[in-house]
Amino acid sequence: MTASDAEPAPSPRGLSDRDLALLALERRSWAGPGAKERAIREELGISPVRYFQLLNALIEDERALREDPVTVNRLRRLREARRERR
């Protein structure tokens, strides 16, 4: 387990700083292909695969929904639409 994989301490709001960073990164828009993946590696220090694993778990967390309902609900809708297309 690397330092970036360790579970960070929660903030006073209940979400860890890493969780808050995941939500903040997901709120941003991206200029072109590869920009988001590059930002994930540079800003969070994790692989894009790990990022999406963490993000999928995070959007199930009610604390994340309370913190950023617009982003979490959008991500839940996108995930559900992908599941329906399968």
Protein backbone atom coordinates (compact mmCIF):
# COMPACT_ATOMS: atom_id res chain seq x y z
CA MET A 1 0.00 0.00 0.00
CA THR A 2 1.39 3.39 -0.94
CA ALA A 3 0.93 6.61 1.00
CA SER A 4 -1.61 7.86 -1.56
CA ASP A 5 -3.66 4.65 -1.13
CA ALA A 6 -3.86 4.96 2.66
CA GLU A 7 -7.17 6.23 3.95
CA PRO A 8 -6.70 9.92 4.76
CA ALA A 9 -8.00 11.44 7.97
CA PRO A 10 -11.51 12.87 7.71
CA SER A 11 -12.11 16.60 7.62
CA PRO A 12 -14.49 18.23 10.12
CA ARG A 13 -17.25 17.71 7.52
CA GLY A 14 -16.71 13.94 7.57
CA LEU A 15 -15.00 13.61 4.19
CA SER A 16 -11.25 13.25 3.87
CA ASP A 17 -9.16 15.83 2.08
CA ARG A 18 -8.66 13.25 -0.68
CA ASP A 19 -12.43 12.82 -1.04
CA LEU A 20 -12.88 16.58 -1.27
CA ALA A 21 -10.10 16.72 -3.89
CA LEU A 22 -11.83 14.00 -5.94
CA LEU A 23 -15.07 15.98 -5.95
CA ALA A 24 -13.26 19.22 -6.81
CA LEU A 25 -11.46 17.58 -9.73
CA GLU A 26 -14.74 16.12 -10.97
CA ARG A 27 -16.39 19.58 -10.98
CA ARG A 28 -13.83 20.93 -13.44
CA SER A 29 -14.16 20.92 -17.22
CA TRP A 30 -11.39 19.51 -19.38
CA ALA A 31 -9.84 21.04 -22.50
CA GLY A 32 -9.02 17.87 -24.38
CA PRO A 33 -8.24 14.20 -24.27
CA GLY A 34 -5.76 13.24 -21.63
CA ALA A 35 -6.04 16.46 -19.63
CA LYS A 36 -8.09 14.93 -16.84
CA GLU A 37 -5.86 11.85 -16.60
CA ARG A 38 -2.79 14.08 -16.42
CA ALA A 39 -4.37 16.18 -13.66
CA ILE A 40 -5.27 13.02 -11.71
CA ARG A 41 -1.66 11.85 -11.78
CA GLU A 42 -0.11 15.26 -11.09
CA GLU A 43 -2.53 16.66 -8.52
CA LEU A 44 -3.62 13.52 -6.67
CA GLY A 45 -0.61 11.29 -7.24
CA ILE A 46 -2.72 8.25 -8.17
CA SER A 47 -3.49 6.41 -11.38
CA PRO A 48 -6.70 7.18 -13.28
CA VAL A 49 -7.90 3.62 -12.60
CA ARG A 50 -7.51 4.14 -8.84
CA TYR A 51 -9.16 7.55 -9.13
CA PHE A 52 -12.28 6.06 -10.71
CA GLN A 53 -12.39 3.26 -8.13
CA LEU A 54 -12.29 5.82 -5.33
CA LEU A 55 -14.79 8.09 -7.08
CA ASN A 56 -17.31 5.28 -7.60
CA ALA A 57 -17.16 4.41 -3.91
CA LEU A 58 -17.36 8.07 -2.94
CA ILE A 59 -20.56 8.80 -4.87
CA GLU A 60 -22.30 6.14 -2.78
CA ASP A 61 -21.37 8.00 0.42
CA GLU A 62 -24.17 10.16 1.79
CA ARG A 63 -21.57 12.60 3.18
CA ALA A 64 -20.42 13.25 -0.39
CA LEU A 65 -24.01 13.85 -1.45
CA ARG A 66 -24.44 16.40 1.35
CA GLU A 67 -21.12 18.06 0.44
CA ASP A 68 -21.72 18.38 -3.31
CA PRO A 69 -25.18 17.19 -4.37
CA VAL A 70 -24.95 18.54 -7.92
CA THR A 71 -21.73 16.70 -8.74
CA VAL A 72 -22.67 13.48 -6.94
CA ASN A 73 -26.12 13.30 -8.55
CA ARG A 74 -24.63 14.00 -11.99
CA LEU A 75 -22.11 11.20 -11.52
CA ARG A 76 -24.81 8.83 -10.30
CA ARG A 77 -26.94 9.61 -13.38
CA LEU A 78 -23.99 9.05 -15.73
CA ARG A 79 -23.15 5.75 -14.07
CA GLU A 80 -26.76 4.58 -14.28
CA ALA A 81 -26.96 5.54 -17.97
CA ARG A 82 -23.80 3.50 -18.66
CA ARG A 83 -25.26 0.52 -16.84
CA GLU A 84 -28.49 0.74 -18.85
CA ARG A 85 -26.55 0.76 -22.15
CA ARG A 86 -24.85 -2.55 -21.26
